[in-house]
Amino acid sequence: MPTSKERTVARLTASGVVAVIRMEDASQLIAVAEALKAGGVECIEFTMTTPGALKVMEQVTARFGDEVLLGAGTVLDIETARAAILAGVQFVVGPGLNTDVIRMCHRYNTVVIPGAMTPTEIITAWETGADIVKIFPAGVLGPSFLKDILGPLPQVRLLPTGGVNLDNAAAFIKAGAVAIGVGSDLVDKKMVSEGRFDLLTKRAQSFVEVVAQARR
């Protein structure tokens, strides 16, 4: 029987799209999550740079339960990782490699996705126990980088994030990404500020369809 971590990794992989929400105001995050979920994106990462992020994470957990797979992003240290885990998140994401954060997440049986940019960082992250490695900034490195990395390291699960959009999403999936992390190209701040959550849902649907087509 799969463990809770294995189920989370499987769900992240199956979903194909992780929405990365980075905002200055947390007041509309619940509405954003609703719109994304309606569009088929159920894996949502709230960055810790958002004021009041921990409180919103607790609210999202209470509101959606298992309907949404909630993660904490931009986690830089073990204190933040632990606080986010206690707030109810199911995965922890970092912009860079911090092996202490990986160990902290293991202590709490929580999926951890550190960021990496070089082969050495990717290998170190994987050997330390990363469940998935975030390739960041993916837009700079490009889909061919993933393909080249997976040649000698086919066992590593890669999540390209940063610069991923509707134009290159399929290429990243075809290059071997287990899923894509999408920020402003999915959660457009102007769209949110204007309350156009219907457009946000349509944008989510577009990303889900692009990933599904690339996998076929």
Protein backbone atom coordinates (compact mmCIF):
# COMPACT_ATOMS: atom_id res chain seq x y z
CA MET A 1 0.00 0.00 0.00
CA PRO A 2 1.49 3.40 -0.99
CA THR A 3 2.49 5.82 1.76
CA SER A 4 0.95 9.29 2.07
CA LYS A 5 4.08 10.78 0.50
CA GLU A 6 3.89 8.36 -2.41
CA ARG A 7 0.24 9.27 -2.93
CA THR A 8 1.10 12.97 -2.93
CA VAL A 9 3.89 12.48 -5.48
CA ALA A 10 1.56 10.38 -7.64
CA ARG A 11 -1.13 13.06 -7.47
CA LEU A 12 1.31 15.84 -8.33
CA THR A 13 2.55 13.82 -11.28
CA ALA A 14 -0.93 12.86 -12.47
CA SER A 15 -2.17 16.45 -12.29
CA GLY A 16 0.64 17.72 -14.51
CA VAL A 17 0.22 21.37 -13.48
CA VAL A 18 1.24 23.07 -10.24
CA ALA A 19 -0.08 26.62 -9.91
CA VAL A 20 2.43 28.92 -8.21
CA ILE A 21 0.59 31.81 -6.55
CA ARG A 22 2.71 34.82 -5.59
CA MET A 23 0.70 37.89 -4.55
CA GLU A 24 1.05 41.00 -2.40
CA ASP A 25 -2.45 40.57 -0.96
CA ALA A 26 -3.75 37.30 0.45
CA SER A 27 -7.39 38.38 0.61
CA GLN A 28 -8.32 36.79 -2.73
CA LEU A 29 -6.31 33.60 -2.49
CA ILE A 30 -9.35 31.47 -1.63
CA ALA A 31 -11.17 32.79 -4.71
CA VAL A 32 -8.07 32.12 -6.83
CA ALA A 33 -7.92 28.54 -5.55
CA GLU A 34 -11.62 28.09 -6.37
CA ALA A 35 -11.07 29.33 -9.93
CA LEU A 36 -8.02 27.12 -10.48
CA LYS A 37 -9.79 24.06 -9.14
CA ALA A 38 -12.75 24.75 -11.44
CA GLY A 39 -10.28 24.75 -14.34
CA GLY A 40 -8.81 21.38 -13.38
CA VAL A 41 -5.70 22.59 -11.52
CA GLU A 42 -5.85 21.03 -8.07
CA CYS A 43 -2.18 21.32 -7.09
CA ILE A 44 -1.65 24.81 -5.71
CA GLU A 45 1.51 26.32 -4.25
CA PHE A 46 1.19 29.47 -2.13
CA THR A 47 4.52 31.26 -1.80
CA MET A 48 5.70 32.32 1.63
CA THR A 49 6.42 35.79 0.25
CA THR A 50 2.66 36.46 0.36
CA PRO A 51 1.73 38.35 3.56
CA GLY A 52 -0.37 36.15 5.85
CA ALA A 53 0.39 33.04 3.78
CA LEU A 54 0.26 30.64 6.74
CA LYS A 55 -3.19 31.81 7.79
CA VAL A 56 -4.50 31.39 4.25
CA MET A 57 -3.00 27.90 4.05
CA GLU A 58 -4.98 26.94 7.14
CA GLN A 59 -8.12 28.41 5.58
CA VAL A 60 -7.59 26.58 2.29
CA THR A 61 -7.04 23.29 4.12
CA ALA A 62 -10.27 23.82 6.07
CA ARG A 63 -12.20 24.92 2.97
CA PHE A 64 -11.10 22.30 0.43
CA GLY A 65 -9.74 19.37 2.41
CA ASP A 66 -8.44 16.70 0.02
CA GLU A 67 -9.98 18.42 -3.01
CA VAL A 68 -6.85 20.57 -3.33
CA LEU A 69 -3.24 19.47 -2.94
CA LEU A 70 -1.73 22.42 -1.11
CA GLY A 71 1.94 23.35 -1.06
CA ALA A 72 4.14 26.08 0.41
CA GLY A 73 6.57 27.79 -1.94
CA THR A 74 9.67 29.95 -1.52
CA VAL A 75 10.58 28.04 1.65
CA LEU A 76 14.12 29.10 2.57
CA ASP A 77 14.70 27.53 5.98
CA ILE A 78 13.62 24.78 8.35
CA GLU A 79 11.57 27.10 10.57
CA THR A 80 9.39 28.14 7.64
CA ALA A 81 9.11 24.55 6.42
CA ARG A 82 7.90 23.33 9.81
CA ALA A 83 5.41 26.20 10.18
CA ALA A 84 3.96 25.46 6.74
CA ILE A 85 3.68 21.74 7.45
CA LEU A 86 1.87 22.44 10.71
CA ALA A 87 -0.46 24.77 8.77
CA GLY A 88 -1.52 21.76 6.70
CA VAL A 89 0.48 21.80 3.47
CA GLN A 90 1.21 18.54 1.70
CA PHE A 91 4.35 19.58 -0.14
CA VAL A 92 7.15 22.10 0.41
CA VAL A 93 8.97 23.87 -2.43
CA GLY A 94 12.20 25.89 -2.34
CA PRO A 95 13.77 28.21 -4.93
CA GLY A 96 17.16 26.67 -4.23
CA LEU A 97 18.80 23.70 -2.56
CA ASN A 98 18.75 23.55 1.25
CA THR A 99 19.49 20.05 2.49
CA ASP A 100 18.33 20.93 6.03
CA VAL A 101 14.86 21.70 4.65
CA ILE A 102 14.82 18.32 2.89
CA ARG A 103 15.63 16.58 6.18
CA MET A 104 12.99 18.59 8.06
CA CYS A 105 10.32 17.56 5.57
CA HIS A 106 11.38 13.92 5.92
CA ARG A 107 10.99 14.27 9.67
CA TYR A 108 7.33 15.22 9.11
CA ASN A 109 6.77 12.77 6.23
CA THR A 110 6.05 15.64 3.84
CA VAL A 111 6.91 15.79 0.14
CA VAL A 112 9.80 18.17 -0.53
CA ILE A 113 10.69 19.79 -3.85
CA PRO A 114 13.94 21.79 -3.66
CA GLY A 115 15.10 24.01 -6.50
CA ALA A 116 18.20 23.26 -8.54
CA MET A 117 19.92 24.64 -11.61
CA THR A 118 23.03 22.52 -12.15
CA PRO A 119 23.67 18.77 -12.45
CA THR A 120 25.54 18.84 -9.14
CA GLU A 121 22.63 20.52 -7.34
CA ILE A 122 20.16 18.08 -8.89
CA ILE A 123 22.20 15.05 -7.83
CA THR A 124 22.73 16.45 -4.32
CA ALA A 125 19.03 17.17 -3.93
CA TRP A 126 18.08 13.67 -5.09
CA GLU A 127 20.68 11.92 -2.94
CA THR A 128 19.57 13.92 0.12
CA GLY A 129 16.01 12.72 -0.39
CA ALA A 130 14.14 15.16 -2.62
CA ASP A 131 10.89 13.64 -3.85
CA ILE A 132 10.90 15.86 -6.95
CA VAL A 133 13.53 18.40 -8.04
CA LYS A 134 12.36 21.81 -9.23
CA ILE A 135 14.36 23.02 -12.22
CA PHE A 136 14.58 26.78 -11.76
CA PRO A 137 14.61 29.05 -13.67
CA ALA A 138 13.32 26.68 -16.33
CA GLY A 139 12.69 29.41 -18.89
CA VAL A 140 16.40 30.23 -18.96
CA LEU A 141 17.52 26.60 -19.15
CA GLY A 142 14.91 25.39 -21.66
CA PRO A 143 13.33 21.98 -22.33
CA SER A 144 16.53 20.57 -23.87
CA PHE A 145 18.24 20.94 -20.47
CA LEU A 146 15.75 18.51 -18.92
CA LYS A 147 16.27 16.03 -21.74
CA ASP A 148 20.04 16.22 -21.30
CA ILE A 149 19.80 15.76 -17.51
CA LEU A 150 17.47 12.77 -17.77
CA GLY A 151 19.95 10.98 -20.06
CA PRO A 152 22.34 10.06 -17.20
CA LEU A 153 19.72 10.58 -14.46
CA PRO A 154 16.49 8.95 -15.71
CA GLN A 155 15.34 8.17 -12.16
CA VAL A 156 15.05 11.83 -11.11
CA ARG A 157 11.62 13.46 -11.19
CA LEU A 158 11.89 16.99 -12.57
CA LEU A 159 9.45 19.92 -12.20
CA PRO A 160 10.39 22.89 -14.43
CA THR A 161 9.26 26.21 -12.94
CA GLY A 162 9.93 29.84 -13.80
CA GLY A 163 9.28 30.99 -17.34
CA VAL A 164 6.91 28.12 -18.17
CA ASN A 165 4.01 29.24 -20.38
CA LEU A 166 1.46 27.91 -22.86
CA ASP A 167 4.01 28.13 -25.69
CA ASN A 168 6.68 25.93 -24.07
CA ALA A 169 4.69 23.78 -21.62
CA ALA A 170 4.28 20.90 -24.07
CA ALA A 171 8.01 20.90 -24.87
CA PHE A 172 8.88 20.58 -21.17
CA ILE A 173 6.48 17.63 -20.76
CA LYS A 174 7.84 15.93 -23.88
CA ALA A 175 11.39 16.49 -22.58
CA GLY A 176 10.54 14.38 -19.53
CA ALA A 177 9.10 16.69 -16.88
CA VAL A 178 6.74 14.90 -14.48
CA ALA A 179 4.71 18.14 -14.26
CA ILE A 180 5.13 21.87 -14.79
CA GLY A 181 5.07 24.71 -12.27
CA VAL A 182 3.36 27.81 -13.64
CA GLY A 183 3.25 31.23 -12.00
CA SER A 184 2.24 34.54 -13.57
CA ASP A 185 1.35 32.98 -16.92
CA LEU A 186 -1.43 31.13 -15.12
CA VAL A 187 -2.29 33.35 -12.16
CA ASP A 188 -2.30 36.78 -13.80
CA LYS A 189 -2.31 39.53 -11.14
CA LYS A 190 -4.34 41.93 -13.29
CA MET A 191 -6.94 39.25 -13.88
CA VAL A 192 -7.18 38.63 -10.15
CA SER A 193 -7.32 42.32 -9.19
CA GLU A 194 -10.20 42.83 -11.62
CA GLY A 195 -12.03 39.80 -10.26
CA ARG A 196 -11.98 37.99 -13.63
CA PHE A 197 -11.90 34.55 -12.09
CA ASP A 198 -13.75 33.11 -15.10
CA LEU A 199 -10.72 33.96 -17.24
CA LEU A 200 -8.44 32.38 -14.65
CA THR A 201 -10.48 29.17 -14.87
CA LYS A 202 -10.16 29.20 -18.67
CA ARG A 203 -6.40 29.76 -18.42
CA ALA A 204 -6.16 26.78 -16.04
CA GLN A 205 -8.14 24.63 -18.48
CA SER A 206 -5.75 25.60 -21.29
CA PHE A 207 -2.68 24.50 -19.33
CA VAL A 208 -4.33 21.22 -18.30
CA GLU A 209 -5.22 20.47 -21.93
CA VAL A 210 -1.73 21.32 -23.22
CA VAL A 211 -0.17 18.90 -20.72
CA ALA A 212 -2.71 16.18 -21.55
CA GLN A 213 -2.05 16.53 -25.29
CA ALA A 214 1.73 16.48 -24.79
CA ARG A 215 1.44 13.27 -22.77
CA ARG A 216 -0.63 11.63 -25.49
